Amino acid sequence: MQDRSDKTHALCGTRIVPGLLVFTNDCRWGKVLHDSLSDGWYNVEYPDGTGGIYNGERMTTTPAKELTSAEEREAAAAAFDSPGAPPF
């Protein structure tokens, strides 16, 4: 995947906004909680209530198929009552 990240965009080029469902470099689906903390870093919450702080290089909405499944994506979307990420 070509890196299209910057302070306001994920690795895939998607603009980072609160509520966006993302796949982090921890190989987990999570939700962006709010606008940037500072200098392009964002709080991401996982369905189990844990989370982390990531920049655009460390999250995407379109991960490689071998890293996750459609079922995992849909489960995360359902956990957050989110419409989900784009299809593979």
PDB file of N, CA and C in Angstrom:
ATOM      1  N   MET A   1       0.837  -1.172   0.000  1.00  0.00           N
ATOM      2  CA  MET A   1       0.000   0.000   0.000  1.00  0.00           C
ATOM      3  C   MET A   1       0.887   1.242   0.000  1.00  0.00           C
ATOM      4  N   GLN A   2       0.556   2.173  -0.847  1.00  0.00           N
ATOM      5  CA  GLN A   2       1.294   3.432  -0.895  1.00  0.00           C
ATOM      6  C   GLN A   2       0.900   4.283   0.311  1.00  0.00           C
ATOM      7  N   ASP A   3       1.877   4.856   0.978  1.00  0.00           N
ATOM      8  CA  ASP A   3       1.625   5.701   2.148  1.00  0.00           C
ATOM      9  C   ASP A   3       1.088   7.052   1.700  1.00  0.00           C
ATOM     10  N   ARG A   4      -0.162   7.342   2.067  1.00  0.00           N
ATOM     11  CA  ARG A   4      -0.780   8.634   1.756  1.00  0.00           C
ATOM     12  C   ARG A   4      -1.083   9.415   3.028  1.00  0.00           C
ATOM     13  N   SER A   5      -0.413   9.035   4.122  1.00  0.00           N
ATOM     14  CA  SER A   5      -0.713   9.651   5.412  1.00  0.00           C
ATOM     15  C   SER A   5      -0.079  11.027   5.565  1.00  0.00           C
ATOM     16  N   ASP A   6      -0.700  11.818   6.395  1.00  0.00           N
ATOM     17  CA  ASP A   6      -0.145  13.080   6.871  1.00  0.00           C
ATOM     18  C   ASP A   6      -0.828  13.360   8.200  1.00  0.00           C
ATOM     19  N   LYS A   7      -0.794  14.576   8.670  1.00  0.00           N
ATOM     20  CA  LYS A   7      -1.352  14.883   9.992  1.00  0.00           C
ATOM     21  C   LYS A   7      -2.872  14.766  10.057  1.00  0.00           C
ATOM     22  N   THR A   8      -3.544  14.716   8.904  1.00  0.00           N
ATOM     23  CA  THR A   8      -5.004  14.634   8.913  1.00  0.00           C
ATOM     24  C   THR A   8      -5.551  13.462   8.100  1.00  0.00           C
ATOM     25  N   HIS A   9      -4.669  12.616   7.564  1.00  0.00           N
ATOM     26  CA  HIS A   9      -5.096  11.497   6.728  1.00  0.00           C
ATOM     27  C   HIS A   9      -4.410  10.197   7.160  1.00  0.00           C
ATOM     28  N   ALA A  10      -5.162   9.103   7.080  1.00  0.00           N
ATOM     29  CA  ALA A  10      -4.637   7.775   7.395  1.00  0.00           C
ATOM     30  C   ALA A  10      -3.736   7.285   6.264  1.00  0.00           C
ATOM     31  N   LEU A  11      -3.084   6.167   6.479  1.00  0.00           N
ATOM     32  CA  LEU A  11      -2.175   5.571   5.514  1.00  0.00           C
ATOM     33  C   LEU A  11      -2.816   5.412   4.141  1.00  0.00           C
ATOM     34  N   CYS A  12      -4.108   5.096   4.113  1.00  0.00           N
ATOM     35  CA  CYS A  12      -4.825   4.864   2.854  1.00  0.00           C
ATOM     36  C   CYS A  12      -5.283   6.159   2.184  1.00  0.00           C
ATOM     37  N   GLY A  13      -5.116   7.296   2.862  1.00  0.00           N
ATOM     38  CA  GLY A  13      -5.522   8.577   2.301  1.00  0.00           C
ATOM     39  C   GLY A  13      -6.858   9.086   2.813  1.00  0.00           C
ATOM     40  N   THR A  14      -7.560   8.290   3.618  1.00  0.00           N
ATOM     41  CA  THR A  14      -8.847   8.705   4.178  1.00  0.00           C
ATOM     42  C   THR A  14      -8.640   9.789   5.231  1.00  0.00           C
ATOM     43  N   ARG A  15      -9.449  10.836   5.170  1.00  0.00           N
ATOM     44  CA  ARG A  15      -9.370  11.908   6.178  1.00  0.00           C
ATOM     45  C   ARG A  15      -9.764  11.360   7.543  1.00  0.00           C
ATOM     46  N   ILE A  16      -8.970  11.661   8.564  1.00  0.00           N
ATOM     47  CA  ILE A  16      -9.219  11.174   9.923  1.00  0.00           C
ATOM     48  C   ILE A  16     -10.202  12.112  10.615  1.00  0.00           C
ATOM     49  N   VAL A  17     -11.350  11.564  10.993  1.00  0.00           N
ATOM     50  CA  VAL A  17     -12.395  12.331  11.675  1.00  0.00           C
ATOM     51  C   VAL A  17     -12.906  11.511  12.851  1.00  0.00           C
ATOM     52  N   PRO A  18     -13.477  12.178  13.861  1.00  0.00           N
ATOM     53  CA  PRO A  18     -14.049  11.437  14.984  1.00  0.00           C
ATOM     54  C   PRO A  18     -15.086  10.426  14.500  1.00  0.00           C
ATOM     55  N   GLY A  19     -15.027   9.221  15.060  1.00  0.00           N
ATOM     56  CA  GLY A  19     -15.964   8.171  14.705  1.00  0.00           C
ATOM     57  C   GLY A  19     -15.499   7.262  13.583  1.00  0.00           C
ATOM     58  N   LEU A  20     -14.392   7.611  12.921  1.00  0.00           N
ATOM     59  CA  LEU A  20     -13.887   6.792  11.816  1.00  0.00           C
ATOM     60  C   LEU A  20     -13.423   5.438  12.341  1.00  0.00           C
ATOM     61  N   LEU A  21     -13.854   4.360  11.699  1.00  0.00           N
ATOM     62  CA  LEU A  21     -13.416   3.014  12.033  1.00  0.00           C
ATOM     63  C   LEU A  21     -12.087   2.770  11.331  1.00  0.00           C
ATOM     64  N   VAL A  22     -11.043   2.447  12.103  1.00  0.00           N
ATOM     65  CA  VAL A  22      -9.700   2.283  11.549  1.00  0.00           C
ATOM     66  C   VAL A  22      -9.075   0.974  12.011  1.00  0.00           C
ATOM     67  N   PHE A  23      -8.143   0.483  11.225  1.00  0.00           N
ATOM     68  CA  PHE A  23      -7.338  -0.684  11.562  1.00  0.00           C
ATOM     69  C   PHE A  23      -5.960  -0.157  11.917  1.00  0.00           C
ATOM     70  N   THR A  24      -5.518  -0.398  13.150  1.00  0.00           N
ATOM     71  CA  THR A  24      -4.251   0.171  13.620  1.00  0.00           C
ATOM     72  C   THR A  24      -3.076  -0.759  13.359  1.00  0.00           C
ATOM     73  N   ASN A  25      -1.879  -0.254  13.600  1.00  0.00           N
ATOM     74  CA  ASN A  25      -0.692  -1.089  13.425  1.00  0.00           C
ATOM     75  C   ASN A  25      -0.589  -2.156  14.511  1.00  0.00           C
ATOM     76  N   ASP A  26      -1.505  -2.169  15.457  1.00  0.00           N
ATOM     77  CA  ASP A  26      -1.607  -3.258  16.435  1.00  0.00           C
ATOM     78  C   ASP A  26      -2.488  -4.380  15.899  1.00  0.00           C
ATOM     79  N   CYS A  27      -2.891  -4.254  14.628  1.00  0.00           N
ATOM     80  CA  CYS A  27      -3.743  -5.246  13.949  1.00  0.00           C
ATOM     81  C   CYS A  27      -5.083  -5.425  14.660  1.00  0.00           C
ATOM     82  N   ARG A  28      -5.679  -4.296  15.018  1.00  0.00           N
ATOM     83  CA  ARG A  28      -6.989  -4.295  15.670  1.00  0.00           C
ATOM     84  C   ARG A  28      -7.831  -3.166  15.085  1.00  0.00           C
ATOM     85  N   TRP A  29      -9.147  -3.416  15.000  1.00  0.00           N
ATOM     86  CA  TRP A  29     -10.088  -2.383  14.573  1.00  0.00           C
ATOM     87  C   TRP A  29     -10.421  -1.508  15.769  1.00  0.00           C
ATOM     88  N   GLY A  30     -10.506  -0.208  15.557  1.00  0.00           N
ATOM     89  CA  GLY A  30     -10.872   0.733  16.596  1.00  0.00           C
ATOM     90  C   GLY A  30     -11.556   1.945  15.999  1.00  0.00           C
ATOM     91  N   LYS A  31     -11.957   2.853  16.876  1.00  0.00           N
ATOM     92  CA  LYS A  31     -12.674   4.058  16.458  1.00  0.00           C
ATOM     93  C   LYS A  31     -11.910   5.289  16.920  1.00  0.00           C
ATOM     94  N   VAL A  32     -11.748   6.255  16.016  1.00  0.00           N
ATOM     95  CA  VAL A  32     -11.118   7.528  16.367  1.00  0.00           C
ATOM     96  C   VAL A  32     -12.085   8.274  17.284  1.00  0.00           C
ATOM     97  N   LEU A  33     -11.591   8.713  18.452  1.00  0.00           N
ATOM     98  CA  LEU A  33     -12.467   9.320  19.449  1.00  0.00           C
ATOM     99  C   LEU A  33     -12.766  10.791  19.211  1.00  0.00           C
ATOM    100  N   HIS A  34     -11.789  11.561  18.780  1.00  0.00           N
ATOM    101  CA  HIS A  34     -11.995  13.003  18.610  1.00  0.00           C
ATOM    102  C   HIS A  34     -10.937  13.570  17.687  1.00  0.00           C
ATOM    103  N   ASP A  35     -11.004  14.841  17.441  1.00  0.00           N
ATOM    104  CA  ASP A  35     -10.008  15.493  16.594  1.00  0.00           C
ATOM    105  C   ASP A  35      -8.610  15.287  17.159  1.00  0.00           C
ATOM    106  N   SER A  36      -7.618  15.617  16.375  1.00  0.00           N
ATOM    107  CA  SER A  36      -6.219  15.415  16.729  1.00  0.00           C
ATOM    108  C   SER A  36      -5.883  15.963  18.115  1.00  0.00           C
ATOM    109  N   LEU A  37      -5.128  15.158  18.873  1.00  0.00           N
ATOM    110  CA  LEU A  37      -4.648  15.606  20.181  1.00  0.00           C
ATOM    111  C   LEU A  37      -3.649  16.744  19.996  1.00  0.00           C
ATOM    112  N   SER A  38      -2.671  16.493  19.167  1.00  0.00           N
ATOM    113  CA  SER A  38      -1.675  17.504  18.810  1.00  0.00           C
ATOM    114  C   SER A  38      -0.798  16.944  17.710  1.00  0.00           C
ATOM    115  N   ASP A  39      -0.453  17.781  16.787  1.00  0.00           N
ATOM    116  CA  ASP A  39       0.487  17.436  15.733  1.00  0.00           C
ATOM    117  C   ASP A  39       0.174  16.120  15.024  1.00  0.00           C
ATOM    118  N   GLY A  40      -1.112  15.834  14.782  1.00  0.00           N
ATOM    119  CA  GLY A  40      -1.484  14.678  13.991  1.00  0.00           C
ATOM    120  C   GLY A  40      -1.613  13.358  14.730  1.00  0.00           C
ATOM    121  N   TRP A  41      -1.726  13.380  16.043  1.00  0.00           N
ATOM    122  CA  TRP A  41      -1.904  12.158  16.833  1.00  0.00           C
ATOM    123  C   TRP A  41      -3.346  12.086  17.319  1.00  0.00           C
ATOM    124  N   TYR A  42      -3.910  10.851  17.310  1.00  0.00           N
ATOM    125  CA  TYR A  42      -5.330  10.644  17.611  1.00  0.00           C
ATOM    126  C   TYR A  42      -5.523   9.531  18.630  1.00  0.00           C
ATOM    127  N   ASN A  43      -6.508   9.702  19.507  1.00  0.00           N
ATOM    128  CA  ASN A  43      -6.926   8.639  20.409  1.00  0.00           C
ATOM    129  C   ASN A  43      -7.809   7.677  19.647  1.00  0.00           C
ATOM    130  N   VAL A  44      -7.499   6.396  19.734  1.00  0.00           N
ATOM    131  CA  VAL A  44      -8.317   5.352  19.123  1.00  0.00           C
ATOM    132  C   VAL A  44      -8.770   4.404  20.235  1.00  0.00           C
ATOM    133  N   GLU A  45     -10.062   4.108  20.246  1.00  0.00           N
ATOM    134  CA  GLU A  45     -10.621   3.192  21.241  1.00  0.00           C
ATOM    135  C   GLU A  45     -10.970   1.882  20.558  1.00  0.00           C
ATOM    136  N   TYR A  46     -10.662   0.764  21.226  1.00  0.00           N
ATOM    137  CA  TYR A  46     -11.017  -0.562  20.727  1.00  0.00           C
ATOM    138  C   TYR A  46     -12.349  -0.993  21.342  1.00  0.00           C
ATOM    139  N   PRO A  47     -13.013  -1.964  20.726  1.00  0.00           N
ATOM    140  CA  PRO A  47     -14.310  -2.409  21.246  1.00  0.00           C
ATOM    141  C   PRO A  47     -14.280  -2.894  22.702  1.00  0.00           C
ATOM    142  N   ASP A  48     -13.124  -3.371  23.168  1.00  0.00           N
ATOM    143  CA  ASP A  48     -13.044  -3.844  24.556  1.00  0.00           C
ATOM    144  C   ASP A  48     -12.798  -2.721  25.560  1.00  0.00           C
ATOM    145  N   GLY A  49     -12.764  -1.468  25.082  1.00  0.00           N
ATOM    146  CA  GLY A  49     -12.580  -0.323  25.962  1.00  0.00           C
ATOM    147  C   GLY A  49     -11.143   0.139  26.109  1.00  0.00           C
ATOM    148  N   THR A  50     -10.182  -0.649  25.638  1.00  0.00           N
ATOM    149  CA  THR A  50      -8.791  -0.217  25.669  1.00  0.00           C
ATOM    150  C   THR A  50      -8.541   0.683  24.466  1.00  0.00           C
ATOM    151  N   GLY A  51      -7.349   1.189  24.347  1.00  0.00           N
ATOM    152  CA  GLY A  51      -7.073   2.058  23.211  1.00  0.00           C
ATOM    153  C   GLY A  51      -5.626   2.453  23.143  1.00  0.00           C
ATOM    154  N   GLY A  52      -5.352   3.394  22.277  1.00  0.00           N
ATOM    155  CA  GLY A  52      -4.000   3.877  22.101  1.00  0.00           C
ATOM    156  C   GLY A  52      -4.005   5.191  21.359  1.00  0.00           C
ATOM    157  N   ILE A  53      -2.816   5.735  21.164  1.00  0.00           N
ATOM    158  CA  ILE A  53      -2.642   6.993  20.451  1.00  0.00           C
ATOM    159  C   ILE A  53      -1.838   6.690  19.185  1.00  0.00           C
ATOM    160  N   TYR A  54      -2.384   7.097  18.040  1.00  0.00           N
ATOM    161  CA  TYR A  54      -1.796   6.765  16.745  1.00  0.00           C
ATOM    162  C   TYR A  54      -1.763   7.990  15.846  1.00  0.00           C
ATOM    163  N   ASN A  55      -0.806   8.012  14.927  1.00  0.00           N
ATOM    164  CA  ASN A  55      -0.824   9.024  13.873  1.00  0.00           C
ATOM    165  C   ASN A  55      -1.285   8.356  12.580  1.00  0.00           C
ATOM    166  N   GLY A  56      -1.409   9.120  11.512  1.00  0.00           N
ATOM    167  CA  GLY A  56      -1.932   8.593  10.267  1.00  0.00           C
ATOM    168  C   GLY A  56      -1.159   7.426   9.689  1.00  0.00           C
ATOM    169  N   GLU A  57       0.145   7.370   9.924  1.00  0.00           N
ATOM    170  CA  GLU A  57       0.955   6.260   9.423  1.00  0.00           C
ATOM    171  C   GLU A  57       0.608   4.944  10.102  1.00  0.00           C
ATOM    172  N   ARG A  58      -0.037   5.010  11.242  1.00  0.00           N
ATOM    173  CA  ARG A  58      -0.296   3.816  12.050  1.00  0.00           C
ATOM    174  C   ARG A  58      -1.744   3.344  12.005  1.00  0.00           C
ATOM    175  N   MET A  59      -2.536   3.884  11.053  1.00  0.00           N
ATOM    176  CA  MET A  59      -3.917   3.428  10.908  1.00  0.00           C
ATOM    177  C   MET A  59      -4.380   3.556   9.465  1.00  0.00           C
ATOM    178  N   THR A  60      -5.337   2.692   9.108  1.00  0.00           N
ATOM    179  CA  THR A  60      -5.885   2.672   7.763  1.00  0.00           C
ATOM    180  C   THR A  60      -7.342   2.222   7.830  1.00  0.00           C
ATOM    181  N   THR A  61      -8.086   2.467   6.779  1.00  0.00           N
ATOM    182  CA  THR A  61      -9.456   1.942   6.702  1.00  0.00           C
ATOM    183  C   THR A  61      -9.509   0.756   5.753  1.00  0.00           C
ATOM    184  N   THR A  62      -8.400   0.474   5.062  1.00  0.00           N
ATOM    185  CA  THR A  62      -8.357  -0.608   4.079  1.00  0.00           C
ATOM    186  C   THR A  62      -7.118  -1.478   4.298  1.00  0.00           C
ATOM    187  N   PRO A  63      -7.105  -2.306   5.352  1.00  0.00           N
ATOM    188  CA  PRO A  63      -5.940  -3.146   5.619  1.00  0.00           C
ATOM    189  C   PRO A  63      -5.811  -4.273   4.605  1.00  0.00           C
ATOM    190  N   ALA A  64      -4.639  -4.840   4.534  1.00  0.00           N
ATOM    191  CA  ALA A  64      -4.411  -6.000   3.673  1.00  0.00           C
ATOM    192  C   ALA A  64      -5.304  -7.155   4.119  1.00  0.00           C
ATOM    193  N   LYS A  65      -5.830  -7.888   3.173  1.00  0.00           N
ATOM    194  CA  LYS A  65      -6.767  -8.972   3.471  1.00  0.00           C
ATOM    195  C   LYS A  65      -6.193 -10.026   4.410  1.00  0.00           C
ATOM    196  N   GLU A  66      -4.887 -10.245   4.374  1.00  0.00           N
ATOM    197  CA  GLU A  66      -4.303 -11.269   5.234  1.00  0.00           C
ATOM    198  C   GLU A  66      -4.179 -10.829   6.695  1.00  0.00           C
ATOM    199  N   LEU A  67      -4.399  -9.556   6.978  1.00  0.00           N
ATOM    200  CA  LEU A  67      -4.274  -9.051   8.347  1.00  0.00           C
ATOM    201  C   LEU A  67      -5.569  -9.122   9.146  1.00  0.00           C
ATOM    202  N   THR A  68      -6.703  -9.137   8.467  1.00  0.00           N
ATOM    203  CA  THR A  68      -7.993  -9.131   9.159  1.00  0.00           C
ATOM    204  C   THR A  68      -9.039  -9.736   8.237  1.00  0.00           C
ATOM    205  N   SER A  69     -10.196 -10.016   8.798  1.00  0.00           N
ATOM    206  CA  SER A  69     -11.271 -10.593   7.998  1.00  0.00           C
ATOM    207  C   SER A  69     -12.453  -9.636   7.965  1.00  0.00           C
ATOM    208  N   ALA A  70     -13.332  -9.869   7.026  1.00  0.00           N
ATOM    209  CA  ALA A  70     -14.560  -9.067   6.947  1.00  0.00           C
ATOM    210  C   ALA A  70     -15.372  -9.237   8.228  1.00  0.00           C
ATOM    211  N   GLU A  71     -15.346 -10.422   8.812  1.00  0.00           N
ATOM    212  CA  GLU A  71     -16.086 -10.682  10.044  1.00  0.00           C
ATOM    213  C   GLU A  71     -15.554  -9.840  11.205  1.00  0.00           C
ATOM    214  N   GLU A  72     -14.219  -9.722  11.301  1.00  0.00           N
ATOM    215  CA  GLU A  72     -13.623  -8.900  12.359  1.00  0.00           C
ATOM    216  C   GLU A  72     -14.009  -7.431  12.182  1.00  0.00           C
ATOM    217  N   ARG A  73     -13.970  -6.966  10.944  1.00  0.00           N
ATOM    218  CA  ARG A  73     -14.343  -5.580  10.658  1.00  0.00           C
ATOM    219  C   ARG A  73     -15.791  -5.330  11.035  1.00  0.00           C
ATOM    220  N   GLU A  74     -16.675  -6.232  10.635  1.00  0.00           N
ATOM    221  CA  GLU A  74     -18.106  -6.062  10.929  1.00  0.00           C
ATOM    222  C   GLU A  74     -18.386  -6.139  12.425  1.00  0.00           C
ATOM    223  N   ALA A  75     -17.669  -6.997  13.138  1.00  0.00           N
ATOM    224  CA  ALA A  75     -17.847  -7.096  14.587  1.00  0.00           C
ATOM    225  C   ALA A  75     -17.441  -5.794  15.271  1.00  0.00           C
ATOM    226  N   ALA A  76     -16.346  -5.206  14.821  1.00  0.00           N
ATOM    227  CA  ALA A  76     -15.906  -3.928  15.392  1.00  0.00           C
ATOM    228  C   ALA A  76     -16.914  -2.838  15.071  1.00  0.00           C
ATOM    229  N   ALA A  77     -17.395  -2.807  13.838  1.00  0.00           N
ATOM    230  CA  ALA A  77     -18.384  -1.799  13.442  1.00  0.00           C
ATOM    231  C   ALA A  77     -19.641  -1.938  14.289  1.00  0.00           C
ATOM    232  N   ALA A  78     -20.077  -3.172  14.501  1.00  0.00           N
ATOM    233  CA  ALA A  78     -21.286  -3.404  15.306  1.00  0.00           C
ATOM    234  C   ALA A  78     -21.060  -2.991  16.759  1.00  0.00           C
ATOM    235  N   ALA A  79     -19.862  -3.240  17.272  1.00  0.00           N
ATOM    236  CA  ALA A  79     -19.556  -2.876  18.652  1.00  0.00           C
ATOM    237  C   ALA A  79     -19.639  -1.370  18.868  1.00  0.00           C
ATOM    238  N   PHE A  80     -19.338  -0.619  17.842  1.00  0.00           N
ATOM    239  CA  PHE A  80     -19.389   0.837  17.934  1.00  0.00           C
ATOM    240  C   PHE A  80     -20.656   1.416  17.323  1.00  0.00           C
ATOM    241  N   ASP A  81     -21.547   0.530  16.836  1.00  0.00           N
ATOM    242  CA  ASP A  81     -22.771   0.988  16.168  1.00  0.00           C
ATOM    243  C   ASP A  81     -22.412   1.912  15.023  1.00  0.00           C
ATOM    244  N   SER A  82     -21.418   1.483  14.270  1.00  0.00           N
ATOM    245  CA  SER A  82     -20.876   2.262  13.170  1.00  0.00           C
ATOM    246  C   SER A  82     -21.263   1.607  11.850  1.00  0.00           C
ATOM    247  N   PRO A  83     -21.373   2.371  10.777  1.00  0.00           N
ATOM    248  CA  PRO A  83     -21.710   1.773   9.488  1.00  0.00           C
ATOM    249  C   PRO A  83     -20.618   0.869   8.929  1.00  0.00           C
ATOM    250  N   GLY A  84     -19.423   0.885   9.505  1.00  0.00           N
ATOM    251  CA  GLY A  84     -18.359   0.008   9.057  1.00  0.00           C
ATOM    252  C   GLY A  84     -17.379   0.674   8.118  1.00  0.00           C
ATOM    253  N   ALA A  85     -16.381  -0.071   7.800  1.00  0.00           N
ATOM    254  CA  ALA A  85     -15.331   0.421   6.912  1.00  0.00           C
ATOM    255  C   ALA A  85     -15.656   0.043   5.479  1.00  0.00           C
ATOM    256  N   PRO A  86     -14.979   0.650   4.533  1.00  0.00           N
ATOM    257  CA  PRO A  86     -15.207   0.274   3.139  1.00  0.00           C
ATOM    258  C   PRO A  86     -14.929  -1.204   2.924  1.00  0.00           C
ATOM    259  N   PRO A  87     -15.584  -1.848   1.963  1.00  0.00           N
ATOM    260  CA  PRO A  87     -15.326  -3.274   1.706  1.00  0.00           C
ATOM    261  C   PRO A  87     -13.927  -3.491   1.174  1.00  0.00           C
ATOM    262  N   PHE A  88     -13.458  -4.712   1.295  1.00  0.00           N
ATOM    263  CA  PHE A  88     -12.123  -5.066   0.789  1.00  0.00           C
ATOM    264  C   PHE A  88     -12.124  -4.989  -0.710  1.00  0.00           C
TER     265      PHE A  88
END
